[in-house]
Amino acid sequence: MDNILEPKHSPQVYGLAYGLWLLTSILSVLVFIAGREMIIRSYTRFFPWEVVRFQTGQGSFSLLNILISLPLAALMITIIIGGFEYQHRSMGQPHAWVWLARTLALECGFLLLALYI
């Protein structure tokens, strides 16, 4: 009975919303990779001797990689799962489109930042 009061959406709205969500999901994986590389590149600029130690198996890059990857992976999972849930629950409403636009803008901003750092 609760479905009677819900507004009906066209297939174009569903396709656009889920398509943009899929785009944000793909971009979140790219942001994960780019963000990890940005942090590691910045670390090696400040501590260049760690690169030589890593090549001999003594460096701390493995720990750094883990410490970077865990929060970025949590953020990526949040964007993918949380974004889908949010879009599914507020399909076609203006605030849902605003959140999609903000997410896309932030992800594109991080990818552009990765080009310069």
N, C-alpha and C. Protein backbone atom coordinates (compact mmCIF):
# COMPACT_ATOMS: atom_id res chain seq x y z
N MET A 1 0.80 -1.19 0.00
CA MET A 1 0.00 0.00 0.00
C MET A 1 0.85 1.27 0.00
N ASP A 2 2.06 1.20 0.55
CA ASP A 2 2.89 2.39 0.64
C ASP A 2 3.38 2.85 -0.73
N ASN A 3 3.45 1.94 -1.69
CA ASN A 3 3.94 2.29 -3.02
C ASN A 3 2.96 3.17 -3.79
N ILE A 4 1.73 3.22 -3.36
CA ILE A 4 0.72 4.00 -4.07
C ILE A 4 1.04 5.50 -3.97
N LEU A 5 1.56 5.94 -2.84
CA LEU A 5 1.81 7.35 -2.63
C LEU A 5 3.14 7.82 -3.20
N GLU A 6 4.02 6.92 -3.58
CA GLU A 6 5.33 7.31 -4.10
C GLU A 6 5.19 7.82 -5.54
N PRO A 7 5.96 8.85 -5.90
CA PRO A 7 5.90 9.35 -7.28
C PRO A 7 6.53 8.35 -8.25
N LYS A 8 5.96 8.29 -9.42
CA LYS A 8 6.47 7.39 -10.46
C LYS A 8 7.53 8.13 -11.28
N HIS A 9 8.63 7.47 -11.54
CA HIS A 9 9.71 8.08 -12.31
C HIS A 9 9.81 7.40 -13.67
N SER A 10 10.28 8.18 -14.61
CA SER A 10 10.45 7.64 -15.95
C SER A 10 11.74 6.83 -16.02
N PRO A 11 11.86 5.97 -17.00
CA PRO A 11 13.11 5.20 -17.16
C PRO A 11 14.32 6.09 -17.43
N GLN A 12 14.10 7.27 -18.02
CA GLN A 12 15.21 8.19 -18.25
C GLN A 12 15.81 8.69 -16.94
N VAL A 13 14.96 8.95 -15.95
CA VAL A 13 15.45 9.42 -14.65
C VAL A 13 16.25 8.32 -13.97
N TYR A 14 15.73 7.09 -14.01
CA TYR A 14 16.46 5.97 -13.43
C TYR A 14 17.79 5.75 -14.14
N GLY A 15 17.75 5.77 -15.46
CA GLY A 15 18.97 5.54 -16.23
C GLY A 15 20.02 6.61 -15.98
N LEU A 16 19.61 7.88 -15.92
CA LEU A 16 20.55 8.96 -15.68
C LEU A 16 21.12 8.90 -14.27
N ALA A 17 20.27 8.66 -13.29
CA ALA A 17 20.75 8.62 -11.90
C ALA A 17 21.70 7.46 -11.68
N TYR A 18 21.33 6.28 -12.14
CA TYR A 18 22.21 5.12 -11.95
C TYR A 18 23.46 5.21 -12.83
N GLY A 19 23.33 5.82 -13.99
CA GLY A 19 24.51 6.02 -14.85
C GLY A 19 25.51 6.97 -14.22
N LEU A 20 25.01 8.07 -13.63
CA LEU A 20 25.90 9.00 -12.94
C LEU A 20 26.49 8.37 -11.68
N TRP A 21 25.71 7.54 -11.00
CA TRP A 21 26.26 6.83 -9.85
C TRP A 21 27.38 5.89 -10.28
N LEU A 22 27.18 5.20 -11.38
CA LEU A 22 28.23 4.30 -11.89
C LEU A 22 29.48 5.10 -12.27
N LEU A 23 29.30 6.27 -12.84
CA LEU A 23 30.45 7.13 -13.16
C LEU A 23 31.19 7.55 -11.89
N THR A 24 30.46 7.92 -10.84
CA THR A 24 31.13 8.28 -9.59
C THR A 24 31.84 7.07 -8.98
N SER A 25 31.29 5.89 -9.16
CA SER A 25 31.95 4.69 -8.65
C SER A 25 33.26 4.42 -9.37
N ILE A 26 33.26 4.56 -10.68
CA ILE A 26 34.48 4.36 -11.46
C ILE A 26 35.51 5.43 -11.13
N LEU A 27 35.04 6.67 -11.00
CA LEU A 27 35.97 7.75 -10.65
C LEU A 27 36.52 7.59 -9.24
N SER A 28 35.76 6.98 -8.33
CA SER A 28 36.29 6.78 -6.98
C SER A 28 37.45 5.80 -6.97
N VAL A 29 37.43 4.81 -7.85
CA VAL A 29 38.57 3.90 -7.97
C VAL A 29 39.78 4.66 -8.52
N LEU A 30 39.56 5.50 -9.50
CA LEU A 30 40.67 6.30 -10.04
C LEU A 30 41.21 7.29 -9.01
N VAL A 31 40.32 7.87 -8.20
CA VAL A 31 40.75 8.79 -7.15
C VAL A 31 41.56 8.03 -6.10
N PHE A 32 41.19 6.79 -5.80
CA PHE A 32 41.96 5.96 -4.87
C PHE A 32 43.38 5.78 -5.37
N ILE A 33 43.52 5.42 -6.62
CA ILE A 33 44.86 5.19 -7.20
C ILE A 33 45.65 6.49 -7.27
N ALA A 34 45.01 7.55 -7.72
CA ALA A 34 45.70 8.84 -7.85
C ALA A 34 46.07 9.41 -6.49
N GLY A 35 45.19 9.30 -5.52
CA GLY A 35 45.48 9.80 -4.18
C GLY A 35 46.63 9.06 -3.53
N ARG A 36 46.65 7.76 -3.70
CA ARG A 36 47.75 6.95 -3.16
C ARG A 36 49.08 7.36 -3.79
N GLU A 37 49.07 7.54 -5.08
CA GLU A 37 50.30 7.95 -5.77
C GLU A 37 50.73 9.35 -5.36
N MET A 38 49.79 10.27 -5.17
CA MET A 38 50.14 11.63 -4.74
C MET A 38 50.84 11.62 -3.39
N ILE A 39 50.30 10.86 -2.47
CA ILE A 39 50.88 10.83 -1.13
C ILE A 39 52.25 10.16 -1.15
N ILE A 40 52.38 9.07 -1.89
CA ILE A 40 53.67 8.38 -1.96
C ILE A 40 54.71 9.25 -2.66
N ARG A 41 54.31 9.95 -3.72
CA ARG A 41 55.26 10.85 -4.40
C ARG A 41 55.70 11.98 -3.49
N SER A 42 54.77 12.54 -2.74
CA SER A 42 55.14 13.60 -1.80
C SER A 42 56.06 13.07 -0.70
N TYR A 43 55.80 11.86 -0.24
CA TYR A 43 56.65 11.25 0.78
C TYR A 43 58.07 11.04 0.26
N THR A 44 58.18 10.58 -0.97
CA THR A 44 59.53 10.34 -1.52
C THR A 44 60.27 11.65 -1.81
N ARG A 45 59.54 12.74 -2.00
CA ARG A 45 60.22 14.03 -2.17
C ARG A 45 60.86 14.50 -0.88
N PHE A 46 60.20 14.21 0.25
CA PHE A 46 60.75 14.62 1.54
C PHE A 46 61.76 13.61 2.10
N PHE A 47 61.59 12.34 1.76
CA PHE A 47 62.47 11.30 2.26
C PHE A 47 63.01 10.46 1.10
N PRO A 48 63.92 10.99 0.28
CA PRO A 48 64.38 10.25 -0.90
C PRO A 48 65.21 9.02 -0.54
N TRP A 49 65.83 8.99 0.63
CA TRP A 49 66.64 7.84 0.99
C TRP A 49 65.78 6.60 1.25
N GLU A 50 64.48 6.77 1.48
CA GLU A 50 63.59 5.63 1.68
C GLU A 50 63.44 4.81 0.39
N VAL A 51 63.59 5.45 -0.75
CA VAL A 51 63.47 4.72 -2.03
C VAL A 51 64.60 3.71 -2.14
N VAL A 52 65.81 4.12 -1.77
CA VAL A 52 66.96 3.22 -1.83
C VAL A 52 66.78 2.09 -0.82
N ARG A 53 66.32 2.42 0.37
CA ARG A 53 66.10 1.38 1.39
C ARG A 53 65.00 0.41 0.96
N PHE A 54 63.99 0.91 0.26
CA PHE A 54 62.91 0.03 -0.21
C PHE A 54 63.42 -0.97 -1.24
N GLN A 55 64.32 -0.54 -2.07
CA GLN A 55 64.86 -1.43 -3.10
C GLN A 55 65.67 -2.56 -2.49
N THR A 56 66.25 -2.35 -1.32
CA THR A 56 67.00 -3.42 -0.65
C THR A 56 66.13 -4.19 0.33
N GLY A 57 64.85 -3.85 0.44
CA GLY A 57 63.94 -4.59 1.30
C GLY A 57 63.91 -4.08 2.73
N GLN A 58 64.42 -2.89 3.00
CA GLN A 58 64.48 -2.38 4.36
C GLN A 58 63.57 -1.18 4.59
N GLY A 59 62.96 -0.68 3.59
CA GLY A 59 62.21 0.57 3.72
C GLY A 59 60.87 0.40 4.40
N SER A 60 60.22 1.51 4.62
CA SER A 60 58.91 1.51 5.28
C SER A 60 57.78 1.81 4.29
N PHE A 61 58.02 1.59 3.02
CA PHE A 61 56.98 1.87 2.02
C PHE A 61 55.78 0.93 2.16
N SER A 62 56.01 -0.28 2.61
CA SER A 62 54.89 -1.21 2.77
C SER A 62 53.92 -0.70 3.83
N LEU A 63 54.47 -0.24 4.96
CA LEU A 63 53.62 0.31 6.01
C LEU A 63 52.92 1.58 5.52
N LEU A 64 53.66 2.43 4.83
CA LEU A 64 53.07 3.66 4.30
C LEU A 64 51.94 3.34 3.32
N ASN A 65 52.16 2.36 2.48
CA ASN A 65 51.14 1.96 1.52
C ASN A 65 49.88 1.46 2.23
N ILE A 66 50.05 0.69 3.29
CA ILE A 66 48.90 0.20 4.05
C ILE A 66 48.18 1.34 4.75
N LEU A 67 48.95 2.24 5.36
CA LEU A 67 48.34 3.36 6.08
C LEU A 67 47.61 4.31 5.15
N ILE A 68 48.02 4.37 3.91
CA ILE A 68 47.34 5.22 2.93
C ILE A 68 46.13 4.49 2.35
N SER A 69 46.31 3.21 2.03
CA SER A 69 45.28 2.46 1.32
C SER A 69 44.03 2.21 2.15
N LEU A 70 44.18 1.97 3.45
CA LEU A 70 43.00 1.66 4.26
C LEU A 70 41.99 2.80 4.32
N PRO A 71 42.40 4.03 4.66
CA PRO A 71 41.38 5.10 4.67
C PRO A 71 40.83 5.42 3.28
N LEU A 72 41.69 5.35 2.26
CA LEU A 72 41.20 5.62 0.91
C LEU A 72 40.23 4.54 0.44
N ALA A 73 40.48 3.29 0.82
CA ALA A 73 39.56 2.21 0.46
C ALA A 73 38.23 2.38 1.19
N ALA A 74 38.28 2.79 2.45
CA ALA A 74 37.04 3.04 3.19
C ALA A 74 36.24 4.17 2.54
N LEU A 75 36.93 5.22 2.10
CA LEU A 75 36.26 6.31 1.42
C LEU A 75 35.65 5.85 0.09
N MET A 76 36.39 5.02 -0.63
CA MET A 76 35.89 4.50 -1.91
C MET A 76 34.65 3.64 -1.70
N ILE A 77 34.67 2.78 -0.69
CA ILE A 77 33.51 1.93 -0.40
C ILE A 77 32.32 2.79 0.03
N THR A 78 32.59 3.82 0.80
CA THR A 78 31.52 4.72 1.23
C THR A 78 30.88 5.42 0.04
N ILE A 79 31.70 5.86 -0.89
CA ILE A 79 31.16 6.53 -2.08
C ILE A 79 30.33 5.57 -2.91
N ILE A 80 30.81 4.35 -3.07
CA ILE A 80 30.11 3.40 -3.94
C ILE A 80 28.81 2.92 -3.29
N ILE A 81 28.89 2.39 -2.07
CA ILE A 81 27.70 1.83 -1.43
C ILE A 81 26.76 2.93 -0.94
N GLY A 82 27.34 3.94 -0.27
CA GLY A 82 26.50 5.03 0.23
C GLY A 82 25.86 5.82 -0.88
N GLY A 83 26.60 6.02 -1.96
CA GLY A 83 26.04 6.74 -3.10
C GLY A 83 24.88 6.01 -3.74
N PHE A 84 25.01 4.69 -3.84
CA PHE A 84 23.91 3.91 -4.42
C PHE A 84 22.69 3.96 -3.52
N GLU A 85 22.89 3.78 -2.22
CA GLU A 85 21.76 3.81 -1.30
C GLU A 85 21.07 5.17 -1.31
N TYR A 86 21.87 6.22 -1.32
CA TYR A 86 21.29 7.57 -1.32
C TYR A 86 20.51 7.82 -2.60
N GLN A 87 21.07 7.42 -3.73
CA GLN A 87 20.37 7.62 -5.00
C GLN A 87 19.11 6.77 -5.08
N HIS A 88 19.20 5.57 -4.57
CA HIS A 88 18.04 4.68 -4.63
C HIS A 88 16.89 5.22 -3.77
N ARG A 89 17.21 5.77 -2.61
CA ARG A 89 16.16 6.25 -1.70
C ARG A 89 15.60 7.61 -2.11
N SER A 90 16.42 8.47 -2.70
CA SER A 90 15.92 9.80 -3.07
C SER A 90 16.01 10.02 -4.57
N MET A 91 15.52 9.07 -5.31
CA MET A 91 15.57 9.11 -6.76
C MET A 91 14.79 10.30 -7.32
N GLY A 92 15.48 11.11 -8.12
CA GLY A 92 14.83 12.19 -8.84
C GLY A 92 14.58 13.45 -8.03
N GLN A 93 14.95 13.47 -6.76
CA GLN A 93 14.75 14.67 -5.96
C GLN A 93 15.92 15.62 -6.16
N PRO A 94 15.69 16.91 -6.01
CA PRO A 94 16.75 17.89 -6.29
C PRO A 94 18.00 17.70 -5.42
N HIS A 95 17.84 17.37 -4.15
CA HIS A 95 19.03 17.23 -3.30
C HIS A 95 19.88 16.03 -3.71
N ALA A 96 19.26 15.02 -4.31
CA ALA A 96 20.03 13.87 -4.79
C ALA A 96 20.90 14.27 -5.99
N TRP A 97 20.36 15.11 -6.86
CA TRP A 97 21.16 15.58 -8.00
C TRP A 97 22.29 16.48 -7.54
N VAL A 98 22.03 17.27 -6.50
CA VAL A 98 23.08 18.15 -5.96
C VAL A 98 24.22 17.32 -5.39
N TRP A 99 23.89 16.26 -4.65
CA TRP A 99 24.95 15.41 -4.10
C TRP A 99 25.73 14.70 -5.19
N LEU A 100 25.06 14.28 -6.23
CA LEU A 100 25.78 13.66 -7.35
C LEU A 100 26.72 14.67 -8.00
N ALA A 101 26.26 15.88 -8.19
CA ALA A 101 27.11 16.91 -8.80
C ALA A 101 28.30 17.24 -7.91
N ARG A 102 28.08 17.33 -6.60
CA ARG A 102 29.19 17.61 -5.69
C ARG A 102 30.21 16.48 -5.68
N THR A 103 29.72 15.26 -5.68
CA THR A 103 30.63 14.11 -5.68
C THR A 103 31.46 14.09 -6.96
N LEU A 104 30.82 14.31 -8.09
CA LEU A 104 31.56 14.34 -9.35
C LEU A 104 32.57 15.49 -9.38
N ALA A 105 32.20 16.65 -8.85
CA ALA A 105 33.11 17.79 -8.83
C ALA A 105 34.32 17.51 -7.95
N LEU A 106 34.10 16.93 -6.78
CA LEU A 106 35.22 16.61 -5.89
C LEU A 106 36.14 15.56 -6.50
N GLU A 107 35.57 14.54 -7.12
CA GLU A 107 36.41 13.50 -7.73
C GLU A 107 37.21 14.07 -8.90
N CYS A 108 36.58 14.88 -9.72
CA CYS A 108 37.33 15.50 -10.84
C CYS A 108 38.40 16.44 -10.31
N GLY A 109 38.10 17.15 -9.22
CA GLY A 109 39.09 18.03 -8.61
C GLY A 109 40.30 17.27 -8.10
N PHE A 110 40.07 16.14 -7.44
CA PHE A 110 41.19 15.34 -6.97
C PHE A 110 42.01 14.77 -8.12
N LEU A 111 41.34 14.38 -9.20
CA LEU A 111 42.07 13.86 -10.35
C LEU A 111 42.90 14.95 -11.02
N LEU A 112 42.37 16.17 -11.08
CA LEU A 112 43.14 17.28 -11.63
C LEU A 112 44.30 17.66 -10.71
N LEU A 113 44.08 17.58 -9.42
CA LEU A 113 45.15 17.85 -8.46
C LEU A 113 46.28 16.83 -8.60
N ALA A 114 45.92 15.59 -8.88
CA ALA A 114 46.95 14.55 -9.05
C ALA A 114 47.84 14.84 -10.25
N LEU A 115 47.34 15.55 -11.23
CA LEU A 115 48.17 15.88 -12.38
C LEU A 115 49.26 16.89 -12.04
N TYR A 116 49.01 17.72 -11.03
CA TYR A 116 49.95 18.79 -10.71
C TYR A 116 50.84 18.49 -9.51
N ILE A 117 50.52 17.47 -8.74
CA ILE A 117 51.35 17.12 -7.58
C ILE A 117 52.17 15.89 -7.90
